[in-house]
Amino acid sequence: MAGERIVHAGKVATAVGVSAGIDLGLWLAGQLAGRERAETIQLYIEYDPQPPFDADHPSKASKTVTDNARTLLRREALNPSELRSVPTIA
């Protein structure tokens, strides 16, 4: 399953990222209402992703880009003491 844009197991389906979320929505529409309906939705929202770069996965990105992303993630990641300030939604 690693590297998959949409992962589904039983009644659970997940996707990570903005465009992957749209992909998941279209996939779900196809599961519920059929491919033609999902394609109609895709046309209606004019969803035609054409990213200017092809570095959307570590397997495609250069080592430098991957290292930069890891550094950014470490710098931006919350540490446990910061989590106390995140409100709990019930």
N, C-alpha and C. Protein backbone atom coordinates (compact mmCIF):
# COMPACT_ATOMS: atom_id res chain seq x y z
N MET A 1 0.81 -1.20 0.00
CA MET A 1 0.00 0.00 0.00
C MET A 1 0.85 1.27 0.00
N ALA A 2 2.11 1.17 0.34
CA ALA A 2 2.96 2.35 0.39
C ALA A 2 3.00 3.02 -0.98
N GLY A 3 2.85 4.32 -0.98
CA GLY A 3 2.88 5.06 -2.22
C GLY A 3 1.54 5.19 -2.92
N GLU A 4 0.53 4.54 -2.40
CA GLU A 4 -0.80 4.62 -3.00
C GLU A 4 -1.43 5.97 -2.68
N ARG A 5 -2.14 6.53 -3.63
CA ARG A 5 -2.79 7.83 -3.44
C ARG A 5 -4.04 7.69 -2.58
N ILE A 6 -4.77 6.62 -2.81
CA ILE A 6 -5.97 6.32 -2.04
C ILE A 6 -5.77 4.93 -1.45
N VAL A 7 -6.01 4.82 -0.16
CA VAL A 7 -5.89 3.52 0.51
C VAL A 7 -7.25 3.20 1.11
N HIS A 8 -7.77 2.02 0.79
CA HIS A 8 -9.05 1.63 1.38
C HIS A 8 -8.97 0.20 1.86
N ALA A 9 -9.59 0.00 3.01
CA ALA A 9 -9.66 -1.32 3.63
C ALA A 9 -11.02 -1.42 4.30
N GLY A 10 -11.83 -2.29 3.80
CA GLY A 10 -13.17 -2.42 4.36
C GLY A 10 -13.98 -1.16 4.17
N LYS A 11 -14.47 -0.61 5.27
CA LYS A 11 -15.30 0.59 5.20
C LYS A 11 -14.50 1.89 5.34
N VAL A 12 -13.18 1.79 5.41
CA VAL A 12 -12.34 2.97 5.63
C VAL A 12 -11.53 3.26 4.38
N ALA A 13 -11.55 4.52 3.96
CA ALA A 13 -10.72 4.97 2.83
C ALA A 13 -10.04 6.26 3.25
N THR A 14 -8.77 6.39 2.92
CA THR A 14 -8.02 7.58 3.30
C THR A 14 -7.18 8.08 2.13
N ALA A 15 -6.84 9.36 2.23
CA ALA A 15 -5.93 10.00 1.27
C ALA A 15 -5.27 11.15 2.01
N VAL A 16 -4.07 11.51 1.60
CA VAL A 16 -3.35 12.58 2.27
C VAL A 16 -3.00 13.65 1.23
N GLY A 17 -3.37 14.87 1.52
CA GLY A 17 -3.07 15.97 0.62
C GLY A 17 -4.32 16.49 -0.06
N VAL A 18 -4.20 17.69 -0.60
CA VAL A 18 -5.35 18.36 -1.20
C VAL A 18 -5.84 17.62 -2.44
N SER A 19 -4.98 17.42 -3.42
CA SER A 19 -5.43 16.77 -4.65
C SER A 19 -5.77 15.30 -4.40
N ALA A 20 -5.06 14.65 -3.49
CA ALA A 20 -5.41 13.26 -3.17
C ALA A 20 -6.79 13.21 -2.50
N GLY A 21 -7.14 14.23 -1.76
CA GLY A 21 -8.48 14.31 -1.17
C GLY A 21 -9.55 14.44 -2.23
N ILE A 22 -9.26 15.23 -3.27
CA ILE A 22 -10.19 15.33 -4.40
C ILE A 22 -10.29 13.98 -5.10
N ASP A 23 -9.14 13.34 -5.31
CA ASP A 23 -9.14 12.01 -5.92
C ASP A 23 -10.00 11.04 -5.11
N LEU A 24 -9.87 11.10 -3.79
CA LEU A 24 -10.66 10.23 -2.92
C LEU A 24 -12.14 10.53 -3.09
N GLY A 25 -12.51 11.79 -3.13
CA GLY A 25 -13.91 12.16 -3.32
C GLY A 25 -14.46 11.65 -4.63
N LEU A 26 -13.67 11.76 -5.69
CA LEU A 26 -14.11 11.25 -6.99
C LEU A 26 -14.21 9.72 -6.98
N TRP A 27 -13.24 9.08 -6.34
CA TRP A 27 -13.29 7.62 -6.24
C TRP A 27 -14.54 7.19 -5.49
N LEU A 28 -14.82 7.88 -4.37
CA LEU A 28 -16.00 7.55 -3.57
C LEU A 28 -17.28 7.78 -4.37
N ALA A 29 -17.34 8.88 -5.11
CA ALA A 29 -18.51 9.13 -5.96
C ALA A 29 -18.68 8.00 -6.97
N GLY A 30 -17.57 7.53 -7.51
CA GLY A 30 -17.63 6.42 -8.45
C GLY A 30 -18.14 5.14 -7.80
N GLN A 31 -17.72 4.89 -6.56
CA GLN A 31 -18.17 3.71 -5.85
C GLN A 31 -19.67 3.78 -5.54
N LEU A 32 -20.13 4.98 -5.19
CA LEU A 32 -21.53 5.14 -4.78
C LEU A 32 -22.49 5.34 -5.94
N ALA A 33 -22.05 6.10 -6.95
CA ALA A 33 -22.98 6.47 -8.00
C ALA A 33 -22.53 6.05 -9.40
N GLY A 34 -21.37 5.42 -9.50
CA GLY A 34 -20.90 4.95 -10.79
C GLY A 34 -19.87 5.89 -11.42
N ARG A 35 -19.10 5.30 -12.32
CA ARG A 35 -18.01 6.03 -12.96
C ARG A 35 -18.50 7.26 -13.73
N GLU A 36 -19.61 7.10 -14.46
CA GLU A 36 -20.11 8.23 -15.25
C GLU A 36 -20.43 9.44 -14.37
N ARG A 37 -21.03 9.19 -13.22
CA ARG A 37 -21.37 10.28 -12.30
C ARG A 37 -20.09 10.93 -11.76
N ALA A 38 -19.10 10.11 -11.40
CA ALA A 38 -17.83 10.64 -10.90
C ALA A 38 -17.14 11.47 -11.98
N GLU A 39 -17.16 11.00 -13.21
CA GLU A 39 -16.56 11.77 -14.30
C GLU A 39 -17.32 13.06 -14.55
N THR A 40 -18.64 13.04 -14.38
CA THR A 40 -19.44 14.26 -14.51
C THR A 40 -19.03 15.27 -13.46
N ILE A 41 -18.82 14.81 -12.24
CA ILE A 41 -18.37 15.70 -11.16
C ILE A 41 -16.99 16.26 -11.49
N GLN A 42 -16.09 15.39 -11.96
CA GLN A 42 -14.75 15.85 -12.32
C GLN A 42 -14.82 16.93 -13.39
N LEU A 43 -15.65 16.74 -14.39
CA LEU A 43 -15.80 17.75 -15.44
C LEU A 43 -16.40 19.03 -14.87
N TYR A 44 -17.40 18.89 -14.03
CA TYR A 44 -18.07 20.05 -13.44
C TYR A 44 -17.10 20.92 -12.64
N ILE A 45 -16.21 20.29 -11.88
CA ILE A 45 -15.26 21.07 -11.09
C ILE A 45 -13.97 21.37 -11.86
N GLU A 46 -13.93 20.92 -13.13
CA GLU A 46 -12.78 21.15 -14.00
C GLU A 46 -11.48 20.70 -13.34
N TYR A 47 -11.52 19.51 -12.79
CA TYR A 47 -10.35 18.96 -12.09
C TYR A 47 -9.46 18.24 -13.10
N ASP A 48 -8.36 18.86 -13.42
CA ASP A 48 -7.40 18.31 -14.39
C ASP A 48 -6.00 18.65 -13.90
N PRO A 49 -5.55 17.97 -12.83
CA PRO A 49 -4.26 18.34 -12.25
C PRO A 49 -3.11 18.11 -13.23
N GLN A 50 -2.29 19.12 -13.35
CA GLN A 50 -1.09 19.04 -14.18
C GLN A 50 0.03 19.75 -13.43
N PRO A 51 0.59 19.10 -12.42
CA PRO A 51 1.61 19.77 -11.62
C PRO A 51 2.83 20.14 -12.47
N PRO A 52 3.44 21.28 -12.15
CA PRO A 52 4.59 21.73 -12.93
C PRO A 52 5.86 20.91 -12.66
N PHE A 53 5.86 20.13 -11.60
CA PHE A 53 7.03 19.32 -11.24
C PHE A 53 6.57 17.90 -10.93
N ASP A 54 7.49 16.96 -10.94
CA ASP A 54 7.16 15.57 -10.65
C ASP A 54 7.95 15.09 -9.43
N ALA A 55 7.74 15.78 -8.31
CA ALA A 55 8.44 15.43 -7.08
C ALA A 55 7.42 15.19 -5.97
N ASP A 56 6.31 14.54 -6.31
CA ASP A 56 5.23 14.36 -5.35
C ASP A 56 5.38 13.16 -4.45
N HIS A 57 6.48 12.41 -4.60
CA HIS A 57 6.69 11.25 -3.76
C HIS A 57 8.20 11.05 -3.61
N PRO A 58 8.65 10.58 -2.45
CA PRO A 58 10.10 10.39 -2.26
C PRO A 58 10.75 9.53 -3.33
N SER A 59 10.01 8.62 -3.91
CA SER A 59 10.59 7.77 -4.96
C SER A 59 10.87 8.55 -6.24
N LYS A 60 10.26 9.72 -6.39
CA LYS A 60 10.44 10.53 -7.60
C LYS A 60 11.33 11.74 -7.36
N ALA A 61 11.39 12.21 -6.12
CA ALA A 61 12.13 13.44 -5.80
C ALA A 61 13.63 13.15 -5.69
N SER A 62 14.42 14.19 -5.96
CA SER A 62 15.87 14.04 -5.81
C SER A 62 16.23 13.91 -4.33
N LYS A 63 17.42 13.44 -4.06
CA LYS A 63 17.88 13.32 -2.69
C LYS A 63 17.88 14.68 -2.01
N THR A 64 18.31 15.73 -2.72
CA THR A 64 18.35 17.08 -2.14
C THR A 64 16.95 17.53 -1.75
N VAL A 65 15.98 17.33 -2.62
CA VAL A 65 14.61 17.75 -2.33
C VAL A 65 14.06 16.94 -1.16
N THR A 66 14.32 15.63 -1.15
CA THR A 66 13.86 14.78 -0.05
C THR A 66 14.49 15.21 1.28
N ASP A 67 15.77 15.48 1.27
CA ASP A 67 16.45 15.96 2.49
C ASP A 67 15.88 17.29 2.95
N ASN A 68 15.63 18.21 2.01
CA ASN A 68 15.04 19.51 2.36
C ASN A 68 13.67 19.34 3.00
N ALA A 69 12.88 18.42 2.46
CA ALA A 69 11.54 18.18 3.00
C ALA A 69 11.62 17.61 4.42
N ARG A 70 12.55 16.69 4.64
CA ARG A 70 12.71 16.13 5.99
C ARG A 70 13.15 17.20 6.97
N THR A 71 14.06 18.07 6.55
CA THR A 71 14.52 19.16 7.43
C THR A 71 13.37 20.09 7.76
N LEU A 72 12.57 20.44 6.76
CA LEU A 72 11.42 21.31 6.98
C LEU A 72 10.42 20.65 7.93
N LEU A 73 10.18 19.37 7.74
CA LEU A 73 9.25 18.66 8.61
C LEU A 73 9.73 18.66 10.05
N ARG A 74 11.02 18.40 10.26
CA ARG A 74 11.57 18.42 11.63
C ARG A 74 11.43 19.80 12.26
N ARG A 75 11.68 20.83 11.47
CA ARG A 75 11.63 22.19 11.99
C ARG A 75 10.19 22.61 12.31
N GLU A 76 9.24 22.17 11.49
CA GLU A 76 7.85 22.60 11.65
C GLU A 76 7.02 21.68 12.54
N ALA A 77 7.52 20.50 12.84
CA ALA A 77 6.76 19.54 13.64
C ALA A 77 6.56 20.05 15.06
N LEU A 78 5.41 19.77 15.61
CA LEU A 78 5.13 20.15 16.99
C LEU A 78 5.86 19.22 17.93
N ASN A 79 6.39 19.78 18.99
CA ASN A 79 6.94 18.92 20.02
C ASN A 79 5.86 18.67 21.07
N PRO A 80 5.98 17.67 21.90
CA PRO A 80 4.92 17.32 22.84
C PRO A 80 4.47 18.47 23.74
N SER A 81 5.38 19.37 24.13
CA SER A 81 4.97 20.47 25.01
C SER A 81 4.05 21.45 24.28
N GLU A 82 4.19 21.56 22.96
CA GLU A 82 3.31 22.46 22.19
C GLU A 82 1.91 21.87 22.02
N LEU A 83 1.80 20.56 22.13
CA LEU A 83 0.50 19.92 21.92
C LEU A 83 -0.51 20.29 22.99
N ARG A 84 -0.02 20.69 24.16
CA ARG A 84 -0.96 21.09 25.24
C ARG A 84 -1.78 22.30 24.83
N SER A 85 -1.25 23.12 23.94
CA SER A 85 -1.98 24.33 23.53
C SER A 85 -3.00 24.06 22.44
N VAL A 86 -3.00 22.86 21.89
CA VAL A 86 -3.97 22.53 20.84
C VAL A 86 -5.29 22.17 21.51
N PRO A 87 -6.36 22.89 21.16
CA PRO A 87 -7.66 22.61 21.81
C PRO A 87 -8.16 21.22 21.44
N THR A 88 -8.85 20.62 22.36
CA THR A 88 -9.44 19.32 22.14
C THR A 88 -10.87 19.50 21.64
N ILE A 89 -11.16 18.87 20.53
CA ILE A 89 -12.50 18.97 19.95
C ILE A 89 -13.26 17.71 20.35
N ALA A 90 -14.39 17.92 20.98
CA ALA A 90 -15.19 16.77 21.44
C ALA A 90 -16.35 16.53 20.51
